[in-house]
């Protein structure tokens, strides 16, 4: 509709239901008893993330494929000084992550309150071995901070468990820095075969790096394209 110098129009939501169901089924397939790794290709703004988010909500008559939850790791969007492995652990196991964090905080608080300087008489309510455990834990954390030790050993170990109903999506992979991409490869090595992994981005853009080209060719089992109905040519022709 032309209103003066303005041109306005409405675009209806494009139905990609069947493609989403097919993608769900594909994600659940295993190769040599291991989950596969995929690369969903598309230029920026082509609807890759929206397509995957729709899969999380769509329901089918297959209980097995409906049980999968897509977990989005959007490293590019968020400024986060934590390692990618820690960020992924937070996304995949949020409850365990916060239990660990709160346990450390609790240990530090109790060790301070039980110290001779403060001494609030916690020994009357808590057994001595428990207080000693908290003190040792808090000292370990303090020493770790003092020496600036950066290790993901604990997260790398725990992240591998209870992944049966999850799919990890590493979004906007082509927009990550080279160091972030290298960290993502470390995460891949930990989770390879234990969980379906979907890298999302512009494949041609990533191929401009010879390092990434060689590595991606090794780790990607299948490269997938968005449904043709989402192609910009098909949209604007209507």
C-alpha atoms as a PDB file:
ATOM      1  CA  UNK A   1       0.000   0.000   0.000  1.00  0.00           C
ATOM      2  CA  UNK A   2       1.427   3.404  -1.054  1.00  0.00           C
ATOM      3  CA  UNK A   3       0.799   6.165   1.504  1.00  0.00           C
ATOM      4  CA  UNK A   4       2.351   9.388   0.236  1.00  0.00           C
ATOM      5  CA  UNK A   5       6.078   8.700  -0.023  1.00  0.00           C
ATOM      6  CA  UNK A   6       5.898   5.636   2.231  1.00  0.00           C
ATOM      7  CA  UNK A   7       5.581   2.053   1.073  1.00  0.00           C
ATOM      8  CA  UNK A   8       4.233  -0.391   3.641  1.00  0.00           C
ATOM      9  CA  UNK A   9       3.528  -4.104   3.406  1.00  0.00           C
ATOM     10  CA  UNK A  10       3.118  -7.131   5.648  1.00  0.00           C
ATOM     11  CA  UNK A  11       5.050 -10.371   5.479  1.00  0.00           C
ATOM     12  CA  UNK A  12       3.307 -13.436   6.831  1.00  0.00           C
ATOM     13  CA  UNK A  13       5.277 -15.997   8.828  1.00  0.00           C
ATOM     14  CA  UNK A  14       6.739 -18.570   6.464  1.00  0.00           C
ATOM     15  CA  UNK A  15       5.671 -22.099   7.309  1.00  0.00           C
ATOM     16  CA  UNK A  16       8.717 -24.337   7.819  1.00  0.00           C
ATOM     17  CA  UNK A  17       6.995 -26.908  10.031  1.00  0.00           C
ATOM     18  CA  UNK A  18       7.911 -29.955   7.958  1.00  0.00           C
ATOM     19  CA  UNK A  19      11.535 -28.853   7.667  1.00  0.00           C
ATOM     20  CA  UNK A  20      11.667 -28.376  11.456  1.00  0.00           C
ATOM     21  CA  UNK A  21      10.271 -31.863  12.059  1.00  0.00           C
ATOM     22  CA  UNK A  22      12.782 -33.347   9.602  1.00  0.00           C
ATOM     23  CA  UNK A  23      15.606 -31.509  11.380  1.00  0.00           C
ATOM     24  CA  UNK A  24      14.393 -32.907  14.712  1.00  0.00           C
ATOM     25  CA  UNK A  25      14.507 -36.433  13.359  1.00  0.00           C
ATOM     26  CA  UNK A  26      17.950 -35.887  11.843  1.00  0.00           C
ATOM     27  CA  UNK A  27      19.360 -34.581  15.134  1.00  0.00           C
ATOM     28  CA  UNK A  28      18.329 -37.790  16.909  1.00  0.00           C
ATOM     29  CA  UNK A  29      20.165 -40.068  14.496  1.00  0.00           C
ATOM     30  CA  UNK A  30      23.416 -41.630  15.662  1.00  0.00           C
ATOM     31  CA  UNK A  31      26.467 -42.740  13.726  1.00  0.00           C
ATOM     32  CA  UNK A  32      28.463 -45.630  15.208  1.00  0.00           C
ATOM     33  CA  UNK A  33      26.402 -45.241  18.423  1.00  0.00           C
ATOM     34  CA  UNK A  34      27.491 -41.597  18.746  1.00  0.00           C
ATOM     35  CA  UNK A  35      25.624 -38.361  18.206  1.00  0.00           C
ATOM     36  CA  UNK A  36      26.662 -36.385  15.135  1.00  0.00           C
ATOM     37  CA  UNK A  37      27.867 -32.812  14.669  1.00  0.00           C
ATOM     38  CA  UNK A  38      26.108 -30.485  12.230  1.00  0.00           C
ATOM     39  CA  UNK A  39      26.734 -27.122  10.616  1.00  0.00           C
ATOM     40  CA  UNK A  40      23.644 -25.049   9.784  1.00  0.00           C
ATOM     41  CA  UNK A  41      24.721 -22.719   7.003  1.00  0.00           C
ATOM     42  CA  UNK A  42      23.296 -19.323   6.128  1.00  0.00           C
ATOM     43  CA  UNK A  43      24.294 -15.689   5.814  1.00  0.00           C
ATOM     44  CA  UNK A  44      23.672 -13.255   8.671  1.00  0.00           C
ATOM     45  CA  UNK A  45      19.967 -12.425   9.103  1.00  0.00           C
ATOM     46  CA  UNK A  46      18.691 -15.363   7.053  1.00  0.00           C
ATOM     47  CA  UNK A  47      16.671 -16.809   9.957  1.00  0.00           C
ATOM     48  CA  UNK A  48      18.912 -19.628  11.195  1.00  0.00           C
ATOM     49  CA  UNK A  49      18.393 -18.934  14.919  1.00  0.00           C
ATOM     50  CA  UNK A  50      14.636 -18.425  14.521  1.00  0.00           C
ATOM     51  CA  UNK A  51      14.411 -21.701  12.615  1.00  0.00           C
ATOM     52  CA  UNK A  52      16.143 -23.580  15.454  1.00  0.00           C
ATOM     53  CA  UNK A  53      14.113 -21.794  18.157  1.00  0.00           C
ATOM     54  CA  UNK A  54      10.914 -22.915  16.427  1.00  0.00           C
ATOM     55  CA  UNK A  55      12.116 -26.527  16.641  1.00  0.00           C
ATOM     56  CA  UNK A  56      12.209 -26.188  20.434  1.00  0.00           C
ATOM     57  CA  UNK A  57       8.469 -25.431  20.520  1.00  0.00           C
ATOM     58  CA  UNK A  58       7.066 -27.596  17.736  1.00  0.00           C
ATOM     59  CA  UNK A  59       5.376 -30.850  18.768  1.00  0.00           C
ATOM     60  CA  UNK A  60       5.061 -34.081  16.786  1.00  0.00           C
ATOM     61  CA  UNK A  61       3.586 -37.515  17.426  1.00  0.00           C
ATOM     62  CA  UNK A  62       7.072 -38.880  18.147  1.00  0.00           C
ATOM     63  CA  UNK A  63       7.856 -38.729  21.873  1.00  0.00           C
ATOM     64  CA  UNK A  64      11.521 -39.558  21.307  1.00  0.00           C
ATOM     65  CA  UNK A  65      12.326 -36.528  19.142  1.00  0.00           C
ATOM     66  CA  UNK A  66      10.051 -34.232  21.184  1.00  0.00           C
ATOM     67  CA  UNK A  67      12.168 -34.903  24.249  1.00  0.00           C
ATOM     68  CA  UNK A  68      15.196 -32.994  22.916  1.00  0.00           C
ATOM     69  CA  UNK A  69      15.819 -29.466  24.172  1.00  0.00           C
ATOM     70  CA  UNK A  70      17.921 -27.055  22.113  1.00  0.00           C
ATOM     71  CA  UNK A  71      20.387 -25.187  24.350  1.00  0.00           C
ATOM     72  CA  UNK A  72      21.701 -22.000  22.701  1.00  0.00           C
ATOM     73  CA  UNK A  73      25.244 -20.869  23.479  1.00  0.00           C
ATOM     74  CA  UNK A  74      25.341 -17.290  22.181  1.00  0.00           C
ATOM     75  CA  UNK A  75      28.949 -16.387  22.852  1.00  0.00           C
ATOM     76  CA  UNK A  76      29.061 -13.506  20.381  1.00  0.00           C
ATOM     77  CA  UNK A  77      26.092 -11.630  21.867  1.00  0.00           C
ATOM     78  CA  UNK A  78      27.204 -11.591  25.515  1.00  0.00           C
ATOM     79  CA  UNK A  79      30.319 -10.072  27.053  1.00  0.00           C
ATOM     80  CA  UNK A  80      31.465 -12.760  29.435  1.00  0.00           C
ATOM     81  CA  UNK A  81      34.963 -13.190  30.858  1.00  0.00           C
ATOM     82  CA  UNK A  82      34.281 -16.822  31.749  1.00  0.00           C
ATOM     83  CA  UNK A  83      35.720 -19.519  29.521  1.00  0.00           C
ATOM     84  CA  UNK A  84      33.438 -21.011  26.872  1.00  0.00           C
ATOM     85  CA  UNK A  85      33.542 -24.350  28.696  1.00  0.00           C
ATOM     86  CA  UNK A  86      32.209 -22.709  31.870  1.00  0.00           C
ATOM     87  CA  UNK A  87      29.537 -20.840  29.895  1.00  0.00           C
ATOM     88  CA  UNK A  88      28.457 -24.093  28.243  1.00  0.00           C
ATOM     89  CA  UNK A  89      28.333 -25.863  31.613  1.00  0.00           C
ATOM     90  CA  UNK A  90      26.116 -23.062  32.952  1.00  0.00           C
ATOM     91  CA  UNK A  91      23.741 -23.487  29.986  1.00  0.00           C
ATOM     92  CA  UNK A  92      23.648 -27.290  29.982  1.00  0.00           C
ATOM     93  CA  UNK A  93      23.543 -27.789  33.774  1.00  0.00           C
ATOM     94  CA  UNK A  94      22.181 -24.557  35.332  1.00  0.00           C
ATOM     95  CA  UNK A  95      21.068 -26.149  38.620  1.00  0.00           C
ATOM     96  CA  UNK A  96      24.392 -27.900  39.272  1.00  0.00           C
ATOM     97  CA  UNK A  97      26.255 -24.731  38.259  1.00  0.00           C
ATOM     98  CA  UNK A  98      24.462 -22.606  40.871  1.00  0.00           C
ATOM     99  CA  UNK A  99      24.759 -25.310  43.540  1.00  0.00           C
ATOM    100  CA  UNK A 100      28.553 -25.259  43.036  1.00  0.00           C
ATOM    101  CA  UNK A 101      28.679 -21.456  43.118  1.00  0.00           C
ATOM    102  CA  UNK A 102      26.487 -21.144  46.209  1.00  0.00           C
ATOM    103  CA  UNK A 103      28.405 -23.934  47.980  1.00  0.00           C
ATOM    104  CA  UNK A 104      31.646 -22.015  47.526  1.00  0.00           C
ATOM    105  CA  UNK A 105      30.071 -18.796  48.812  1.00  0.00           C
ATOM    106  CA  UNK A 106      28.583 -20.660  51.797  1.00  0.00           C
ATOM    107  CA  UNK A 107      31.949 -22.267  52.563  1.00  0.00           C
ATOM    108  CA  UNK A 108      33.701 -18.890  52.570  1.00  0.00           C
ATOM    109  CA  UNK A 109      31.041 -17.286  54.780  1.00  0.00           C
ATOM    110  CA  UNK A 110      31.079 -20.144  57.316  1.00  0.00           C
ATOM    111  CA  UNK A 111      34.890 -20.255  57.428  1.00  0.00           C
ATOM    112  CA  UNK A 112      34.952 -16.521  58.183  1.00  0.00           C
ATOM    113  CA  UNK A 113      32.246 -16.739  60.847  1.00  0.00           C
ATOM    114  CA  UNK A 114      33.963 -19.743  62.471  1.00  0.00           C
ATOM    115  CA  UNK A 115      37.379 -18.066  62.571  1.00  0.00           C
ATOM    116  CA  UNK A 116      38.834 -17.067  65.987  1.00  0.00           C
ATOM    117  CA  UNK A 117      38.535 -13.402  65.003  1.00  0.00           C
ATOM    118  CA  UNK A 118      34.770 -13.489  64.482  1.00  0.00           C
ATOM    119  CA  UNK A 119      33.834 -16.711  66.330  1.00  0.00           C
ATOM    120  CA  UNK A 120      30.044 -16.704  66.462  1.00  0.00           C
ATOM    121  CA  UNK A 121      29.982 -20.102  68.121  1.00  0.00           C
ATOM    122  CA  UNK A 122      29.079 -22.097  65.021  1.00  0.00           C
ATOM    123  CA  UNK A 123      30.836 -25.094  66.593  1.00  0.00           C
ATOM    124  CA  UNK A 124      27.770 -25.570  68.777  1.00  0.00           C
ATOM    125  CA  UNK A 125      25.549 -26.084  65.738  1.00  0.00           C
ATOM    126  CA  UNK A 126      27.864 -27.643  63.141  1.00  0.00           C
ATOM    127  CA  UNK A 127      30.216 -30.636  63.559  1.00  0.00           C
ATOM    128  CA  UNK A 128      33.914 -29.744  63.585  1.00  0.00           C
ATOM    129  CA  UNK A 129      34.713 -31.869  60.505  1.00  0.00           C
ATOM    130  CA  UNK A 130      32.152 -29.913  58.470  1.00  0.00           C
ATOM    131  CA  UNK A 131      33.598 -26.573  59.531  1.00  0.00           C
ATOM    132  CA  UNK A 132      37.117 -27.818  58.668  1.00  0.00           C
ATOM    133  CA  UNK A 133      35.852 -28.906  55.247  1.00  0.00           C
ATOM    134  CA  UNK A 134      34.409 -25.442  54.610  1.00  0.00           C
ATOM    135  CA  UNK A 135      37.663 -23.810  55.746  1.00  0.00           C
ATOM    136  CA  UNK A 136      39.762 -25.993  53.433  1.00  0.00           C
ATOM    137  CA  UNK A 137      37.399 -25.308  50.529  1.00  0.00           C
ATOM    138  CA  UNK A 138      37.480 -21.548  51.073  1.00  0.00           C
ATOM    139  CA  UNK A 139      41.291 -21.598  51.395  1.00  0.00           C
ATOM    140  CA  UNK A 140      41.482 -23.497  48.122  1.00  0.00           C
ATOM    141  CA  UNK A 141      39.363 -20.867  46.409  1.00  0.00           C
ATOM    142  CA  UNK A 142      41.468 -18.055  47.902  1.00  0.00           C
ATOM    143  CA  UNK A 143      44.739 -19.646  46.777  1.00  0.00           C
ATOM    144  CA  UNK A 144      43.273 -20.228  43.334  1.00  0.00           C
ATOM    145  CA  UNK A 145      42.369 -16.520  43.068  1.00  0.00           C
ATOM    146  CA  UNK A 146      45.758 -15.442  44.413  1.00  0.00           C
ATOM    147  CA  UNK A 147      47.724 -17.527  41.928  1.00  0.00           C
ATOM    148  CA  UNK A 148      45.235 -16.688  39.148  1.00  0.00           C
ATOM    149  CA  UNK A 149      44.905 -20.341  38.229  1.00  0.00           C
ATOM    150  CA  UNK A 150      42.562 -20.732  35.271  1.00  0.00           C
ATOM    151  CA  UNK A 151      41.385 -24.305  34.930  1.00  0.00           C
ATOM    152  CA  UNK A 152      38.182 -25.802  33.567  1.00  0.00           C
ATOM    153  CA  UNK A 153      39.039 -29.314  34.746  1.00  0.00           C
ATOM    154  CA  UNK A 154      35.999 -29.591  37.044  1.00  0.00           C
ATOM    155  CA  UNK A 155      33.575 -28.161  34.483  1.00  0.00           C
ATOM    156  CA  UNK A 156      35.090 -30.301  31.718  1.00  0.00           C
ATOM    157  CA  UNK A 157      34.487 -33.418  33.804  1.00  0.00           C
ATOM    158  CA  UNK A 158      30.964 -32.642  35.019  1.00  0.00           C
ATOM    159  CA  UNK A 159      29.650 -31.248  31.725  1.00  0.00           C
ATOM    160  CA  UNK A 160      29.743 -34.695  30.101  1.00  0.00           C
ATOM    161  CA  UNK A 161      26.978 -36.192  32.258  1.00  0.00           C
ATOM    162  CA  UNK A 162      23.190 -36.161  31.875  1.00  0.00           C
ATOM    163  CA  UNK A 163      23.101 -34.901  28.278  1.00  0.00           C
ATOM    164  CA  UNK A 164      20.594 -37.398  26.868  1.00  0.00           C
ATOM    165  CA  UNK A 165      17.774 -34.938  26.203  1.00  0.00           C
ATOM    166  CA  UNK A 166      19.800 -31.944  25.037  1.00  0.00           C
ATOM    167  CA  UNK A 167      21.169 -30.458  21.816  1.00  0.00           C
ATOM    168  CA  UNK A 168      23.943 -27.844  22.016  1.00  0.00           C
ATOM    169  CA  UNK A 169      23.702 -24.987  19.506  1.00  0.00           C
ATOM    170  CA  UNK A 170      26.814 -22.787  19.107  1.00  0.00           C
ATOM    171  CA  UNK A 171      25.224 -19.741  17.507  1.00  0.00           C
ATOM    172  CA  UNK A 172      26.892 -17.129  15.258  1.00  0.00           C
ATOM    173  CA  UNK A 173      30.067 -19.207  15.071  1.00  0.00           C
ATOM    174  CA  UNK A 174      31.322 -17.187  12.090  1.00  0.00           C
ATOM    175  CA  UNK A 175      31.224 -13.981  14.168  1.00  0.00           C
ATOM    176  CA  UNK A 176      33.447 -15.277  16.966  1.00  0.00           C
ATOM    177  CA  UNK A 177      37.061 -14.219  17.244  1.00  0.00           C
ATOM    178  CA  UNK A 178      39.729 -16.779  16.343  1.00  0.00           C
ATOM    179  CA  UNK A 179      40.518 -17.373  20.027  1.00  0.00           C
ATOM    180  CA  UNK A 180      36.819 -17.945  20.790  1.00  0.00           C
ATOM    181  CA  UNK A 181      36.550 -20.369  17.880  1.00  0.00           C
ATOM    182  CA  UNK A 182      39.570 -22.270  19.172  1.00  0.00           C
ATOM    183  CA  UNK A 183      37.945 -22.470  22.630  1.00  0.00           C
ATOM    184  CA  UNK A 184      34.784 -23.784  20.993  1.00  0.00           C
ATOM    185  CA  UNK A 185      36.841 -26.570  19.419  1.00  0.00           C
ATOM    186  CA  UNK A 186      38.079 -27.531  22.904  1.00  0.00           C
ATOM    187  CA  UNK A 187      34.458 -27.715  24.049  1.00  0.00           C
ATOM    188  CA  UNK A 188      33.666 -29.848  21.010  1.00  0.00           C
ATOM    189  CA  UNK A 189      36.451 -32.304  21.880  1.00  0.00           C
ATOM    190  CA  UNK A 190      34.919 -32.784  25.338  1.00  0.00           C
ATOM    191  CA  UNK A 191      31.332 -33.276  24.128  1.00  0.00           C
ATOM    192  CA  UNK A 192      31.962 -34.999  20.796  1.00  0.00           C
ATOM    193  CA  UNK A 193      29.624 -37.957  20.348  1.00  0.00           C
ATOM    194  CA  UNK A 194      27.932 -37.457  23.732  1.00  0.00           C
ATOM    195  CA  UNK A 195      25.430 -34.829  22.552  1.00  0.00           C
ATOM    196  CA  UNK A 196      24.214 -33.531  19.172  1.00  0.00           C
ATOM    197  CA  UNK A 197      26.117 -30.308  18.406  1.00  0.00           C
ATOM    198  CA  UNK A 198      24.996 -27.699  15.861  1.00  0.00           C
ATOM    199  CA  UNK A 199      27.402 -24.995  14.714  1.00  0.00           C
ATOM    200  CA  UNK A 200      25.508 -22.068  13.170  1.00  0.00           C
ATOM    201  CA  UNK A 201      26.975 -19.488  10.822  1.00  0.00           C
ATOM    202  CA  UNK A 202      28.104 -18.518   7.346  1.00  0.00           C
ATOM    203  CA  UNK A 203      30.211 -21.447   6.134  1.00  0.00           C
ATOM    204  CA  UNK A 204      31.892 -19.472   3.353  1.00  0.00           C
ATOM    205  CA  UNK A 205      32.959 -16.761   5.781  1.00  0.00           C
ATOM    206  CA  UNK A 206      34.569 -19.323   8.083  1.00  0.00           C
ATOM    207  CA  UNK A 207      36.316 -20.990   5.143  1.00  0.00           C
ATOM    208  CA  UNK A 208      38.381 -17.832   4.638  1.00  0.00           C
ATOM    209  CA  UNK A 209      40.553 -19.119   7.498  1.00  0.00           C
ATOM    210  CA  UNK A 210      42.685 -22.093   6.438  1.00  0.00           C
ATOM    211  CA  UNK A 211      42.990 -23.254  10.076  1.00  0.00           C
ATOM    212  CA  UNK A 212      39.217 -23.385  10.526  1.00  0.00           C
ATOM    213  CA  UNK A 213      38.752 -24.958   7.112  1.00  0.00           C
ATOM    214  CA  UNK A 214      40.888 -27.975   7.981  1.00  0.00           C
ATOM    215  CA  UNK A 215      39.377 -28.368  11.448  1.00  0.00           C
ATOM    216  CA  UNK A 216      35.740 -27.963  10.402  1.00  0.00           C
ATOM    217  CA  UNK A 217      36.124 -30.546   7.669  1.00  0.00           C
ATOM    218  CA  UNK A 218      37.201 -33.027  10.338  1.00  0.00           C
ATOM    219  CA  UNK A 219      34.538 -32.352  12.969  1.00  0.00           C
ATOM    220  CA  UNK A 220      31.399 -31.645  10.925  1.00  0.00           C
ATOM    221  CA  UNK A 221      29.479 -34.807  10.034  1.00  0.00           C
ATOM    222  CA  UNK A 222      26.819 -33.021   8.002  1.00  0.00           C
ATOM    223  CA  UNK A 223      26.446 -29.539   6.582  1.00  0.00           C
ATOM    224  CA  UNK A 224      22.813 -28.413   6.384  1.00  0.00           C
ATOM    225  CA  UNK A 225      21.114 -25.547   4.575  1.00  0.00           C
ATOM    226  CA  UNK A 226      18.037 -23.585   5.602  1.00  0.00           C
ATOM    227  CA  UNK A 227      14.752 -24.548   3.882  1.00  0.00           C
ATOM    228  CA  UNK A 228      14.584 -23.037   0.390  1.00  0.00           C
ATOM    229  CA  UNK A 229      11.389 -21.133   1.296  1.00  0.00           C
ATOM    230  CA  UNK A 230      13.528 -18.943   3.603  1.00  0.00           C
ATOM    231  CA  UNK A 231      15.768 -17.888   0.731  1.00  0.00           C
ATOM    232  CA  UNK A 232      15.531 -14.115   0.308  1.00  0.00           C
ATOM    233  CA  UNK A 233      14.804 -14.512  -3.429  1.00  0.00           C
ATOM    234  CA  UNK A 234      11.741 -16.627  -2.703  1.00  0.00           C
ATOM    235  CA  UNK A 235      10.526 -14.172  -0.034  1.00  0.00           C
ATOM    236  CA  UNK A 236      10.853 -10.924  -2.016  1.00  0.00           C
ATOM    237  CA  UNK A 237       9.442 -12.428  -5.223  1.00  0.00           C
ATOM    238  CA  UNK A 238       6.128 -12.626  -3.352  1.00  0.00           C
END
